[in-house]
């Protein structure tokens, strides 16, 4: 009888955990509707073929595939890993100030926009 109660309690706890997570999750972030406009506004002028950022790093943000390709030094986005994704490290100023993005005299990306990109990466950085 005790094993049945323990198993029942564990089952109820597991279901409550799943339901709580489902209710409190962030809404899905769309690459096309939410992320792409942020990148176009803040990054694309430099990070596409012919741009200074592309020439310096080989990193293009012109398409989802190029964004996910990263640089010859490695990926810029690791789906599900917001702390390890170099794009966020650079945008949030967690890197050496000389390589933080956007570079030079350009305005920083607004915190709300960085939060959108952060949530998109946390959700798996899908091409949606």
Protein backbone atom coordinates (compact mmCIF):
# COMPACT_ATOMS: atom_id res chain seq x y z
CA UNK A 1 0.00 0.00 0.00
CA UNK A 2 2.83 2.45 0.82
CA UNK A 3 4.49 1.89 -2.57
CA UNK A 4 1.22 2.69 -4.32
CA UNK A 5 0.87 5.97 -2.39
CA UNK A 6 4.46 6.95 -3.14
CA UNK A 7 4.02 6.13 -6.83
CA UNK A 8 0.77 8.11 -6.92
CA UNK A 9 2.37 11.09 -5.19
CA UNK A 10 5.30 11.03 -7.64
CA UNK A 11 2.94 10.83 -10.58
CA UNK A 12 0.88 13.78 -9.33
CA UNK A 13 4.05 15.80 -8.70
CA UNK A 14 5.34 15.03 -12.20
CA UNK A 15 2.06 16.12 -13.81
CA UNK A 16 1.96 19.31 -11.77
CA UNK A 17 5.52 20.11 -12.85
CA UNK A 18 4.63 19.59 -16.51
CA UNK A 19 1.47 21.68 -16.25
CA UNK A 20 3.26 24.49 -14.42
CA UNK A 21 6.02 24.58 -17.04
CA UNK A 22 3.47 24.63 -19.86
CA UNK A 23 1.55 27.52 -18.33
CA UNK A 24 4.59 29.67 -17.58
CA UNK A 25 6.54 29.17 -20.80
CA UNK A 26 7.41 32.08 -23.05
CA UNK A 27 5.40 32.41 -26.26
CA UNK A 28 7.16 31.02 -29.32
CA UNK A 29 9.57 33.49 -30.86
CA UNK A 30 9.45 33.55 -34.65
CA UNK A 31 12.70 33.95 -36.53
CA UNK A 32 10.96 35.56 -39.52
CA UNK A 33 8.65 37.88 -37.59
CA UNK A 34 10.60 38.64 -34.40
CA UNK A 35 14.33 38.00 -34.83
CA UNK A 36 14.96 38.79 -38.49
CA UNK A 37 13.77 42.44 -38.19
CA UNK A 38 16.10 43.01 -35.21
CA UNK A 39 19.09 41.60 -37.10
CA UNK A 40 18.20 43.55 -40.24
CA UNK A 41 18.01 46.82 -38.29
CA UNK A 42 21.09 46.38 -36.10
CA UNK A 43 23.49 43.96 -37.77
CA UNK A 44 22.94 43.34 -41.46
CA UNK A 45 24.59 46.51 -42.77
CA UNK A 46 27.96 45.12 -41.64
CA UNK A 47 27.35 41.37 -41.55
CA UNK A 48 26.60 40.52 -45.17
CA UNK A 49 28.81 40.08 -48.21
CA UNK A 50 30.73 43.32 -48.76
CA UNK A 51 30.10 44.63 -45.24
CA UNK A 52 32.96 45.44 -42.88
CA UNK A 53 31.84 42.91 -40.28
CA UNK A 54 31.66 40.19 -42.88
CA UNK A 55 35.07 41.10 -44.26
CA UNK A 56 36.62 41.01 -40.77
CA UNK A 57 34.94 37.85 -39.48
CA UNK A 58 33.37 35.99 -42.37
CA UNK A 59 30.09 36.11 -40.45
CA UNK A 60 27.00 36.81 -42.53
CA UNK A 61 23.51 37.37 -41.16
CA UNK A 62 21.92 37.63 -44.60
CA UNK A 63 19.95 34.40 -44.15
CA UNK A 64 19.02 31.95 -41.42
CA UNK A 65 21.43 29.36 -42.84
CA UNK A 66 24.34 31.81 -42.89
CA UNK A 67 23.53 32.99 -39.37
CA UNK A 68 23.56 29.41 -38.10
CA UNK A 69 26.76 28.62 -40.04
CA UNK A 70 28.69 31.08 -37.86
CA UNK A 71 32.34 31.80 -38.61
CA UNK A 72 35.33 29.65 -39.40
CA UNK A 73 36.08 29.97 -35.67
CA UNK A 74 32.82 28.27 -34.75
CA UNK A 75 29.11 28.82 -34.29
CA UNK A 76 27.68 32.16 -33.23
CA UNK A 77 24.42 30.58 -32.08
CA UNK A 78 24.09 27.35 -30.14
CA UNK A 79 20.40 26.42 -30.09
CA UNK A 80 19.21 26.16 -26.50
CA UNK A 81 22.41 27.64 -25.04
CA UNK A 82 22.00 31.36 -24.36
CA UNK A 83 25.14 31.67 -22.26
CA UNK A 84 27.36 29.89 -24.79
CA UNK A 85 26.01 31.57 -27.92
CA UNK A 86 28.68 34.00 -29.05
CA UNK A 87 26.14 36.30 -30.69
CA UNK A 88 24.71 37.09 -27.26
CA UNK A 89 28.14 37.28 -25.64
CA UNK A 90 29.02 40.04 -28.12
CA UNK A 91 25.66 41.83 -28.04
CA UNK A 92 25.41 41.82 -24.24
CA UNK A 93 28.93 43.19 -23.78
CA UNK A 94 30.26 40.04 -22.12
CA UNK A 95 33.25 40.00 -24.47
CA UNK A 96 36.23 42.32 -24.65
CA UNK A 97 34.84 45.81 -25.35
CA UNK A 98 36.93 46.04 -28.52
CA UNK A 99 34.83 43.28 -30.13
CA UNK A 100 31.42 43.95 -28.58
CA UNK A 101 28.62 44.41 -31.09
CA UNK A 102 27.49 46.52 -32.65
CA UNK A 103 30.96 47.84 -33.19
CA UNK A 104 32.30 51.36 -33.01
CA UNK A 105 29.94 54.30 -32.78
CA UNK A 106 26.79 52.38 -33.66
CA UNK A 107 23.99 52.43 -31.09
CA UNK A 108 23.74 49.34 -28.87
CA UNK A 109 20.94 46.90 -29.56
CA UNK A 110 18.06 47.70 -27.19
CA UNK A 111 17.74 45.36 -24.22
CA UNK A 112 14.21 44.34 -25.23
CA UNK A 113 15.52 43.23 -28.64
CA UNK A 114 18.36 41.27 -27.05
CA UNK A 115 15.77 39.58 -24.81
CA UNK A 116 13.84 38.48 -27.92
CA UNK A 117 17.00 36.95 -29.42
CA UNK A 118 17.87 35.37 -26.06
CA UNK A 119 14.41 33.74 -25.83
CA UNK A 120 14.60 32.58 -29.45
CA UNK A 121 17.93 30.86 -28.79
CA UNK A 122 16.58 29.35 -25.55
CA UNK A 123 13.65 27.96 -27.53
CA UNK A 124 16.02 26.21 -29.94
CA UNK A 125 16.77 28.95 -32.51
CA UNK A 126 14.26 27.53 -34.98
CA UNK A 127 13.83 28.74 -38.56
CA UNK A 128 10.18 29.58 -38.07
